[in-house]
Amino acid sequence: LSGGEQQRVAIARAVANAPRVLLADEPTGNLDPHTADHVFKALTQLVRATRVAMLIATHNMDLAARMDRRVSLQDGHVIELD
């Protein structure tokens, strides 16, 4: 399976038990930008359709900018981002 296909399978497994919160650590970290965009769009559609809360940890600021709410951990403090 390609990297994008592997990520989609991991997402499907994660939501199979209908969780209230979906935790994702760098869900697009090992993907090329095009595939990462497809995976992120799939995650977004899933969250909106199922009303599952999603918490993503990422270093990708372009991805973070597309979130409804953003926070950062700085010097041990959680900082709300605009």
N, C-alpha and C. Protein backbone atom coordinates (compact mmCIF):
# COMPACT_ATOMS: atom_id res chain seq x y z
N LEU A 1 0.83 -1.19 0.00
CA LEU A 1 0.00 0.00 0.00
C LEU A 1 0.87 1.25 0.00
N SER A 2 0.37 2.29 -0.64
CA SER A 2 1.10 3.56 -0.64
C SER A 2 0.98 4.21 0.74
N GLY A 3 1.77 5.24 0.97
CA GLY A 3 1.70 5.95 2.25
C GLY A 3 0.32 6.52 2.52
N GLY A 4 -0.29 7.10 1.49
CA GLY A 4 -1.63 7.66 1.65
C GLY A 4 -2.66 6.58 1.94
N GLU A 5 -2.53 5.44 1.27
CA GLU A 5 -3.46 4.32 1.52
C GLU A 5 -3.28 3.79 2.94
N GLN A 6 -2.04 3.71 3.40
CA GLN A 6 -1.79 3.25 4.77
C GLN A 6 -2.41 4.21 5.78
N GLN A 7 -2.31 5.51 5.52
CA GLN A 7 -2.90 6.50 6.43
C GLN A 7 -4.42 6.36 6.44
N ARG A 8 -5.02 6.15 5.28
CA ARG A 8 -6.48 5.99 5.22
C ARG A 8 -6.93 4.74 5.97
N VAL A 9 -6.17 3.67 5.86
CA VAL A 9 -6.49 2.44 6.61
C VAL A 9 -6.38 2.71 8.11
N ALA A 10 -5.35 3.42 8.53
CA ALA A 10 -5.18 3.75 9.95
C ALA A 10 -6.34 4.60 10.45
N ILE A 11 -6.79 5.54 9.64
CA ILE A 11 -7.93 6.37 10.02
C ILE A 11 -9.19 5.52 10.15
N ALA A 12 -9.40 4.63 9.19
CA ALA A 12 -10.58 3.75 9.24
C ALA A 12 -10.56 2.88 10.49
N ARG A 13 -9.41 2.35 10.84
CA ARG A 13 -9.30 1.55 12.06
C ARG A 13 -9.58 2.39 13.30
N ALA A 14 -9.09 3.62 13.28
CA ALA A 14 -9.26 4.50 14.44
C ALA A 14 -10.72 4.85 14.69
N VAL A 15 -11.51 4.96 13.64
CA VAL A 15 -12.90 5.37 13.82
C VAL A 15 -13.87 4.19 13.84
N ALA A 16 -13.38 2.99 13.67
CA ALA A 16 -14.24 1.81 13.62
C ALA A 16 -15.09 1.64 14.88
N ASN A 17 -14.57 2.05 16.02
CA ASN A 17 -15.31 1.89 17.28
C ASN A 17 -16.06 3.15 17.68
N ALA A 18 -16.26 4.06 16.74
CA ALA A 18 -17.01 5.30 16.96
C ALA A 18 -16.53 6.06 18.20
N PRO A 19 -15.27 6.48 18.21
CA PRO A 19 -14.77 7.21 19.38
C PRO A 19 -15.38 8.61 19.44
N ARG A 20 -15.35 9.22 20.61
CA ARG A 20 -15.80 10.61 20.75
C ARG A 20 -14.69 11.57 20.37
N VAL A 21 -13.44 11.12 20.56
CA VAL A 21 -12.28 11.94 20.24
C VAL A 21 -11.31 11.11 19.40
N LEU A 22 -10.82 11.70 18.33
CA LEU A 22 -9.83 11.06 17.47
C LEU A 22 -8.50 11.77 17.70
N LEU A 23 -7.50 11.04 18.14
CA LEU A 23 -6.17 11.60 18.38
C LEU A 23 -5.27 11.23 17.20
N ALA A 24 -4.57 12.23 16.66
CA ALA A 24 -3.71 11.98 15.51
C ALA A 24 -2.37 12.67 15.72
N ASP A 25 -1.31 11.89 15.75
CA ASP A 25 0.04 12.43 15.92
C ASP A 25 0.71 12.48 14.55
N GLU A 26 0.89 13.67 14.02
CA GLU A 26 1.50 13.88 12.70
C GLU A 26 0.84 12.99 11.64
N PRO A 27 -0.48 13.12 11.44
CA PRO A 27 -1.17 12.22 10.52
C PRO A 27 -0.72 12.33 9.07
N THR A 28 -0.07 13.43 8.71
CA THR A 28 0.39 13.60 7.33
C THR A 28 1.91 13.76 7.26
N GLY A 29 2.59 13.47 8.35
CA GLY A 29 4.03 13.73 8.45
C GLY A 29 4.90 13.02 7.44
N ASN A 30 4.54 11.82 7.02
CA ASN A 30 5.39 11.05 6.10
C ASN A 30 4.86 11.05 4.67
N LEU A 31 3.98 11.99 4.37
CA LEU A 31 3.34 12.00 3.06
C LEU A 31 3.80 13.19 2.23
N ASP A 32 3.75 13.03 0.91
CA ASP A 32 4.04 14.16 0.03
C ASP A 32 2.89 15.17 0.16
N PRO A 33 3.11 16.42 -0.20
CA PRO A 33 2.08 17.45 0.01
C PRO A 33 0.73 17.14 -0.63
N HIS A 34 0.74 16.57 -1.83
CA HIS A 34 -0.52 16.25 -2.51
C HIS A 34 -1.31 15.19 -1.74
N THR A 35 -0.64 14.12 -1.36
CA THR A 35 -1.30 13.04 -0.61
C THR A 35 -1.70 13.53 0.77
N ALA A 36 -0.87 14.33 1.40
CA ALA A 36 -1.19 14.89 2.71
C ALA A 36 -2.48 15.69 2.65
N ASP A 37 -2.65 16.47 1.58
CA ASP A 37 -3.87 17.26 1.42
C ASP A 37 -5.09 16.36 1.31
N HIS A 38 -4.98 15.26 0.56
CA HIS A 38 -6.10 14.32 0.43
C HIS A 38 -6.43 13.68 1.77
N VAL A 39 -5.42 13.27 2.52
CA VAL A 39 -5.66 12.64 3.83
C VAL A 39 -6.29 13.65 4.78
N PHE A 40 -5.79 14.88 4.78
CA PHE A 40 -6.36 15.89 5.66
C PHE A 40 -7.82 16.18 5.30
N LYS A 41 -8.12 16.27 4.01
CA LYS A 41 -9.50 16.50 3.59
C LYS A 41 -10.39 15.34 4.03
N ALA A 42 -9.90 14.11 3.94
CA ALA A 42 -10.67 12.95 4.40
C ALA A 42 -10.93 13.03 5.90
N LEU A 43 -9.92 13.41 6.67
CA LEU A 43 -10.10 13.58 8.11
C LEU A 43 -11.13 14.66 8.41
N THR A 44 -11.04 15.77 7.72
CA THR A 44 -11.97 16.88 7.94
C THR A 44 -13.40 16.46 7.62
N GLN A 45 -13.59 15.78 6.51
CA GLN A 45 -14.93 15.31 6.14
C GLN A 45 -15.46 14.34 7.17
N LEU A 46 -14.61 13.45 7.64
CA LEU A 46 -15.00 12.48 8.66
C LEU A 46 -15.45 13.17 9.94
N VAL A 47 -14.68 14.14 10.38
CA VAL A 47 -14.99 14.85 11.62
C VAL A 47 -16.32 15.59 11.48
N ARG A 48 -16.51 16.25 10.37
CA ARG A 48 -17.75 17.01 10.17
C ARG A 48 -18.96 16.08 10.06
N ALA A 49 -18.80 14.94 9.39
CA ALA A 49 -19.91 14.01 9.19
C ALA A 49 -20.28 13.27 10.47
N THR A 50 -19.29 12.94 11.29
CA THR A 50 -19.56 12.12 12.48
C THR A 50 -19.59 12.93 13.77
N ARG A 51 -19.21 14.22 13.68
CA ARG A 51 -19.16 15.10 14.84
C ARG A 51 -18.21 14.58 15.92
N VAL A 52 -17.15 13.92 15.48
CA VAL A 52 -16.09 13.45 16.37
C VAL A 52 -15.14 14.62 16.59
N ALA A 53 -14.67 14.79 17.81
CA ALA A 53 -13.64 15.79 18.07
C ALA A 53 -12.30 15.20 17.64
N MET A 54 -11.46 16.03 17.04
CA MET A 54 -10.16 15.55 16.58
C MET A 54 -9.07 16.44 17.17
N LEU A 55 -8.09 15.80 17.76
CA LEU A 55 -6.92 16.49 18.30
C LEU A 55 -5.72 16.05 17.49
N ILE A 56 -5.08 17.00 16.83
CA ILE A 56 -3.94 16.69 15.97
C ILE A 56 -2.69 17.35 16.54
N ALA A 57 -1.63 16.57 16.66
CA ALA A 57 -0.31 17.11 16.98
C ALA A 57 0.46 17.19 15.67
N THR A 58 0.97 18.37 15.35
CA THR A 58 1.69 18.53 14.09
C THR A 58 2.72 19.64 14.19
N HIS A 59 3.75 19.53 13.37
CA HIS A 59 4.71 20.60 13.20
C HIS A 59 4.44 21.34 11.89
N ASN A 60 3.47 20.87 11.13
CA ASN A 60 3.12 21.44 9.84
C ASN A 60 2.20 22.64 10.07
N MET A 61 2.75 23.84 9.98
CA MET A 61 1.97 25.04 10.26
C MET A 61 0.91 25.30 9.20
N ASP A 62 1.12 24.83 7.96
CA ASP A 62 0.08 24.96 6.94
C ASP A 62 -1.13 24.12 7.31
N LEU A 63 -0.89 22.92 7.80
CA LEU A 63 -1.97 22.06 8.26
C LEU A 63 -2.65 22.67 9.49
N ALA A 64 -1.86 23.13 10.42
CA ALA A 64 -2.42 23.73 11.65
C ALA A 64 -3.29 24.94 11.33
N ALA A 65 -2.92 25.70 10.32
CA ALA A 65 -3.68 26.90 9.96
C ALA A 65 -5.08 26.57 9.48
N ARG A 66 -5.31 25.32 9.07
CA ARG A 66 -6.62 24.91 8.56
C ARG A 66 -7.54 24.36 9.66
N MET A 67 -7.07 24.35 10.88
CA MET A 67 -7.86 23.83 12.01
C MET A 67 -8.86 24.88 12.50
N ASP A 68 -9.93 24.41 13.13
CA ASP A 68 -10.92 25.32 13.71
C ASP A 68 -10.35 26.05 14.92
N ARG A 69 -9.52 25.38 15.67
CA ARG A 69 -8.91 25.97 16.87
C ARG A 69 -7.47 25.50 16.92
N ARG A 70 -6.57 26.42 17.29
CA ARG A 70 -5.15 26.10 17.36
C ARG A 70 -4.58 26.51 18.71
N VAL A 71 -3.79 25.62 19.29
CA VAL A 71 -3.06 25.93 20.51
C VAL A 71 -1.62 25.48 20.30
N SER A 72 -0.73 26.07 21.07
CA SER A 72 0.68 25.73 20.99
C SER A 72 1.20 25.52 22.40
N LEU A 73 2.16 24.66 22.53
CA LEU A 73 2.82 24.44 23.82
C LEU A 73 4.13 25.20 23.79
N GLN A 74 4.26 26.20 24.65
CA GLN A 74 5.46 27.03 24.70
C GLN A 74 5.93 27.15 26.14
N ASP A 75 7.13 26.69 26.39
CA ASP A 75 7.72 26.73 27.73
C ASP A 75 6.81 26.11 28.78
N GLY A 76 6.16 25.00 28.41
CA GLY A 76 5.30 24.29 29.35
C GLY A 76 3.92 24.89 29.52
N HIS A 77 3.57 25.89 28.73
CA HIS A 77 2.27 26.54 28.83
C HIS A 77 1.50 26.37 27.52
N VAL A 78 0.20 26.15 27.63
CA VAL A 78 -0.66 26.06 26.46
C VAL A 78 -1.07 27.48 26.08
N ILE A 79 -0.78 27.85 24.85
CA ILE A 79 -1.06 29.18 24.34
C ILE A 79 -2.09 29.08 23.22
N GLU A 80 -3.18 29.82 23.33
CA GLU A 80 -4.20 29.87 22.28
C GLU A 80 -3.64 30.70 21.12
N LEU A 81 -3.73 30.17 19.90
CA LEU A 81 -3.26 30.89 18.72
C LEU A 81 -4.46 31.52 18.02
N ASP A 82 -4.21 32.61 17.31
CA ASP A 82 -5.30 33.30 16.59
C ASP A 82 -5.76 32.49 15.41
